[in-house]
Structure formats: C-alpha cells, structure tokens
C-alpha atoms as a PDB file:
ATOM      1  CA  SER A   1      -0.350  -0.107   0.153  1.00  0.00           C
ATOM      2  CA  TRP A   2       2.747   2.252   0.793  1.00  0.00           C
ATOM      3  CA  GLN A   3       4.705   1.481  -2.601  1.00  0.00           C
ATOM      4  CA  ILE A   4       1.044   2.727  -4.655  1.00  0.00           C
ATOM      5  CA  ARG A   5       0.943   5.726  -2.291  1.00  0.00           C
ATOM      6  CA  ARG A   6       4.503   6.501  -3.107  1.00  0.00           C
ATOM      7  CA  ALA A   7       3.633   6.167  -7.161  1.00  0.00           C
ATOM      8  CA  PHE A   8       1.157   8.152  -7.049  1.00  0.00           C
ATOM      9  CA  ARG A   9       3.018  10.843  -4.872  1.00  0.00           C
ATOM     10  CA  SER A  10       5.408  10.485  -7.664  1.00  0.00           C
ATOM     11  CA  ILE A  11       3.286  10.849 -10.098  1.00  0.00           C
ATOM     12  CA  ARG A  12       1.481  13.772  -8.698  1.00  0.00           C
ATOM     13  CA  ASN A  13       4.810  15.709  -8.390  1.00  0.00           C
ATOM     14  CA  THR A  14       6.001  14.552 -11.926  1.00  0.00           C
ATOM     15  CA  LEU A  15       2.769  16.597 -13.965  1.00  0.00           C
ATOM     16  CA  PRO A  16       3.834  20.407 -13.339  1.00  0.00           C
ATOM     17  CA  GLU A  17       6.800  19.279 -14.902  1.00  0.00           C
ATOM     18  CA  ILE A  18       6.169  17.751 -17.965  1.00  0.00           C
ATOM     19  CA  THR A  19       3.340  20.346 -18.654  1.00  0.00           C
ATOM     20  CA  TYR A  20       5.656  22.760 -20.845  1.00  0.00           C
ATOM     21  CA  VAL A  21       6.329  19.860 -22.977  1.00  0.00           C
ATOM     22  CA  PHE A  22       3.018  18.731 -23.470  1.00  0.00           C
ATOM     23  CA  LEU A  23       1.961  22.300 -24.048  1.00  0.00           C
ATOM     24  CA  LEU A  24       4.824  22.570 -26.753  1.00  0.00           C
ATOM     25  CA  PHE A  25       3.245  19.887 -28.635  1.00  0.00           C
ATOM     26  CA  MET A  26      -0.284  20.856 -28.350  1.00  0.00           C
ATOM     27  CA  PHE A  27       0.690  24.508 -29.957  1.00  0.00           C
ATOM     28  CA  SER A  28       2.613  22.062 -32.849  1.00  0.00           C
ATOM     29  CA  LEU A  29      -0.555  19.936 -33.577  1.00  0.00           C
ATOM     30  CA  LEU A  30      -2.641  23.048 -33.287  1.00  0.00           C
ATOM     31  CA  MET A  31      -0.226  24.605 -35.805  1.00  0.00           C
ATOM     32  CA  PHE A  32       0.030  21.888 -38.000  1.00  0.00           C
ATOM     33  CA  SER A  33      -3.770  21.899 -38.019  1.00  0.00           C
ATOM     34  CA  LEU A  34      -4.086  25.108 -39.065  1.00  0.00           C
ATOM     35  CA  MET A  35      -1.619  24.697 -41.742  1.00  0.00           C
ATOM     36  CA  ALA A  36      -3.712  21.334 -43.146  1.00  0.00           C
ATOM     37  CA  LEU A  37      -6.791  23.753 -42.918  1.00  0.00           C
ATOM     38  CA  LYS A  38      -5.084  26.448 -45.284  1.00  0.00           C
ATOM     39  CA  LEU A  39      -3.061  23.645 -47.808  1.00  0.00           C
ATOM     40  CA  PHE A  40      -6.450  21.399 -48.315  1.00  0.00           C
ATOM     41  CA  GLY A  41      -9.521  23.229 -46.685  1.00  0.00           C
ATOM     42  CA  GLU A  42     -10.444  24.867 -50.653  1.00  0.00           C
ATOM     43  CA  ARG A  43      -9.735  21.898 -52.389  1.00  0.00           C
ATOM     44  CA  ASN A  44     -13.034  20.208 -52.122  1.00  0.00           C
ATOM     45  CA  LEU A  45     -11.010  16.587 -51.169  1.00  0.00           C
ATOM     46  CA  ARG A  46     -13.181  13.788 -49.895  1.00  0.00           C
ATOM     47  CA  THR A  47     -12.270  10.703 -48.127  1.00  0.00           C
ATOM     48  CA  ALA A  48     -12.776   7.660 -49.305  1.00  0.00           C
ATOM     49  CA  GLU A  49     -16.496   7.689 -47.647  1.00  0.00           C
ATOM     50  CA  GLY A  50     -17.060  10.369 -49.611  1.00  0.00           C
ATOM     51  CA  LEU A  51     -16.716  12.632 -46.487  1.00  0.00           C
ATOM     52  CA  PRO A  52     -15.033  16.595 -46.893  1.00  0.00           C
ATOM     53  CA  TYR A  53     -11.716  16.188 -45.992  1.00  0.00           C
ATOM     54  CA  PHE A  54     -10.339  18.713 -44.004  1.00  0.00           C
ATOM     55  CA  ARG A  55     -12.977  21.232 -43.880  1.00  0.00           C
ATOM     56  CA  ASN A  56     -13.524  21.729 -39.889  1.00  0.00           C
ATOM     57  CA  TYR A  57     -10.886  22.736 -37.596  1.00  0.00           C
ATOM     58  CA  LEU A  58     -11.345  20.969 -34.752  1.00  0.00           C
ATOM     59  CA  ASP A  59     -11.574  17.867 -37.177  1.00  0.00           C
ATOM     60  CA  ILE A  60      -8.792  18.684 -38.338  1.00  0.00           C
ATOM     61  CA  VAL A  61      -6.673  18.682 -34.966  1.00  0.00           C
ATOM     62  CA  PHE A  62      -8.295  14.933 -34.595  1.00  0.00           C
ATOM     63  CA  ASP A  63      -7.494  13.588 -37.449  1.00  0.00           C
ATOM     64  CA  LEU A  64      -3.427  14.729 -36.848  1.00  0.00           C
ATOM     65  CA  TYR A  65      -3.898  13.689 -33.371  1.00  0.00           C
ATOM     66  CA  VAL A  66      -4.818  10.229 -34.390  1.00  0.00           C
ATOM     67  CA  LEU A  67      -2.236  10.403 -37.242  1.00  0.00           C
ATOM     68  CA  VAL A  68       0.464  10.984 -34.043  1.00  0.00           C
ATOM     69  CA  THR A  69      -0.451   8.014 -32.337  1.00  0.00           C
ATOM     70  CA  THR A  70      -0.397   6.121 -35.783  1.00  0.00           C
ATOM     71  CA  ALA A  71      -3.293   4.122 -35.358  1.00  0.00           C
ATOM     72  CA  ASN A  72      -4.783   5.819 -38.280  1.00  0.00           C
ATOM     73  CA  SER A  73      -2.099   6.625 -40.241  1.00  0.00           C
ATOM     74  CA  PRO A  74      -2.269   5.954 -44.017  1.00  0.00           C
ATOM     75  CA  ASP A  75      -6.324   6.915 -44.039  1.00  0.00           C
ATOM     76  CA  VAL A  76      -5.485  10.665 -43.127  1.00  0.00           C
ATOM     77  CA  MET A  77      -3.566  11.414 -45.495  1.00  0.00           C
ATOM     78  CA  MET A  78      -4.546   9.433 -48.566  1.00  0.00           C
ATOM     79  CA  PRO A  79      -7.035  12.053 -50.116  1.00  0.00           C
ATOM     80  CA  ALA A  80      -4.598  14.578 -49.843  1.00  0.00           C
ATOM     81  CA  PHE A  81      -1.758  12.221 -51.130  1.00  0.00           C
ATOM     82  CA  ASP A  82      -4.417  11.210 -54.186  1.00  0.00           C
ATOM     83  CA  PHE A  83      -4.487  14.663 -55.093  1.00  0.00           C
ATOM     84  CA  SER A  84      -0.998  15.069 -55.444  1.00  0.00           C
ATOM     85  CA  SER A  85       1.840  13.352 -54.196  1.00  0.00           C
ATOM     86  CA  TRP A  86       3.636  16.693 -53.304  1.00  0.00           C
ATOM     87  CA  TYR A  87       1.535  16.934 -50.390  1.00  0.00           C
ATOM     88  CA  ALA A  88       3.063  13.800 -48.506  1.00  0.00           C
ATOM     89  CA  LEU A  89       5.739  15.974 -47.676  1.00  0.00           C
ATOM     90  CA  PHE A  90       3.477  17.736 -45.062  1.00  0.00           C
ATOM     91  CA  PHE A  91       2.324  14.588 -43.508  1.00  0.00           C
ATOM     92  CA  ILE A  92       5.722  13.379 -43.434  1.00  0.00           C
ATOM     93  CA  ALA A  93       7.487  16.644 -41.568  1.00  0.00           C
ATOM     94  CA  PHE A  94       4.432  16.456 -39.083  1.00  0.00           C
ATOM     95  CA  VAL A  95       4.779  13.116 -38.228  1.00  0.00           C
ATOM     96  CA  ILE A  96       8.648  13.491 -38.119  1.00  0.00           C
ATOM     97  CA  ILE A  97       8.271  16.512 -35.691  1.00  0.00           C
ATOM     98  CA  ASN A  98       5.410  15.144 -33.746  1.00  0.00           C
ATOM     99  CA  THR A  99       5.677  11.355 -33.595  1.00  0.00           C
ATOM    100  CA  TYR A 100       9.340  10.758 -33.699  1.00  0.00           C
ATOM    101  CA  ILE A 101      10.690  14.351 -31.549  1.00  0.00           C
ATOM    102  CA  PHE A 102       7.819  15.507 -29.566  1.00  0.00           C
ATOM    103  CA  MET A 103       6.978  11.700 -28.444  1.00  0.00           C
ATOM    104  CA  SER A 104      10.738  10.992 -27.737  1.00  0.00           C
ATOM    105  CA  LEU A 105      11.041  14.086 -25.745  1.00  0.00           C
ATOM    106  CA  PHE A 106       7.994  13.632 -23.775  1.00  0.00           C
ATOM    107  CA  LEU A 107       8.633  10.227 -22.775  1.00  0.00           C
ATOM    108  CA  ALA A 108      11.826  11.061 -21.663  1.00  0.00           C
ATOM    109  CA  VAL A 109      10.621  14.269 -19.376  1.00  0.00           C
ATOM    110  CA  VAL A 110       8.538  11.957 -17.959  1.00  0.00           C
ATOM    111  CA  TYR A 111      10.433   9.264 -16.725  1.00  0.00           C
ATOM    112  CA  ASN A 112      13.534  11.191 -15.911  1.00  0.00           C
ATOM    113  CA  ASN A 113      11.409  13.586 -13.811  1.00  0.00           C
ATOM    114  CA  TYR A 114       9.009  10.490 -12.526  1.00  0.00           C
ATOM    115  CA  LYS A 115      12.230   8.948 -11.654  1.00  0.00           C
ATOM    116  CA  LYS A 116      13.738  11.894  -9.887  1.00  0.00           C
ATOM    117  CA  HIS A 117      10.732  11.968  -8.292  1.00  0.00           C
ATOM    118  CA  LEU A 118      10.368   7.943  -6.552  1.00  0.00           C
ATOM    119  CA  LYS A 119      14.146   8.679  -5.320  1.00  0.00           C
ATOM    120  CA  VAL A 120      12.888  11.660  -3.408  1.00  0.00           C
ATOM    121  CA  THR A 121      11.350  10.764   0.481  1.00  0.00           C
ATOM    122  CA  PRO A 122       9.057  12.558   1.444  1.00  0.00           C
ATOM    123  CA  GLY A 123      10.829  14.335   4.015  1.00  0.00           C
ATOM    124  CA  GLY A 124      13.172  15.501   1.389  1.00  0.00           C
ATOM    125  CA  MET A 125      15.706  13.037   1.698  1.00  0.00           C
ATOM    126  CA  SER A 126      17.305  10.664  -0.939  1.00  0.00           C
ATOM    127  CA  CYS A 127      16.197   6.921  -0.814  1.00  0.00           C
ATOM    128  CA  ASP A 128      19.795   6.306  -2.220  1.00  0.00           C
END
C-alpha cells in the first residue's frame, strides 16, 4: 500500500514539470492543423467514404492527433496524397516532428522526472 501511495505521489509531483512539453506538443499540433486547413480546406477533397476532407478545424486537430498515434496513419493522408504526391511532404514533416521528436522528448521528460521524484522520500531525503 505504501508503494502505491509513493507511486501516485511521484506521478502527482511529475505532472507540473511535464506540462511545458505537453503544451509545446499541443502548440505544434494546433499549428499543423491550421496549416492543413489552409492547404487542403479549399481543394474540395473527399475521403474514401465521400465525406469532406479537412474542412473543419476541430476535425483536423482530431485527425492529426490520430496520425500522431499512428493508429490510422495512411487513411488520414490518402485523400491529399491522391490529389498530389507533393502533399506527402506535409505529412512526413508532421510525423517526424510530432511522433518521433515530441513523443520521444515527452517520454524522456516523464521518465526522468518520475525517476527523480521516486528517489526522493516525503521528508526530502533520497532513498539511495
């Protein structure tokens, strides 16, 4: 029971320190969403289901978030790629910056801060 409380305390102490990286990631996601709206919004593209492609800003944010998780990777970018293969550069840059750089940075910050807070006992002394 004390180990679980200690782990939750470490997580709670880690959260304020990772918010800056999370906010930077969110800023990048919102900026790429705005660029996608400007690039693809006026092209009258359609998805495979016949729905409008990248016309609503909040839908674009959600679709690009799904692309960061790589859960639906090719389906998000295929209508733009079918229109012009040059649009693949937008999605390649997005995946490199957000998936590989920001997610690795976010994981490193979470791990290092959690490890730092796990070593410190409530009295401020190290467990080493």
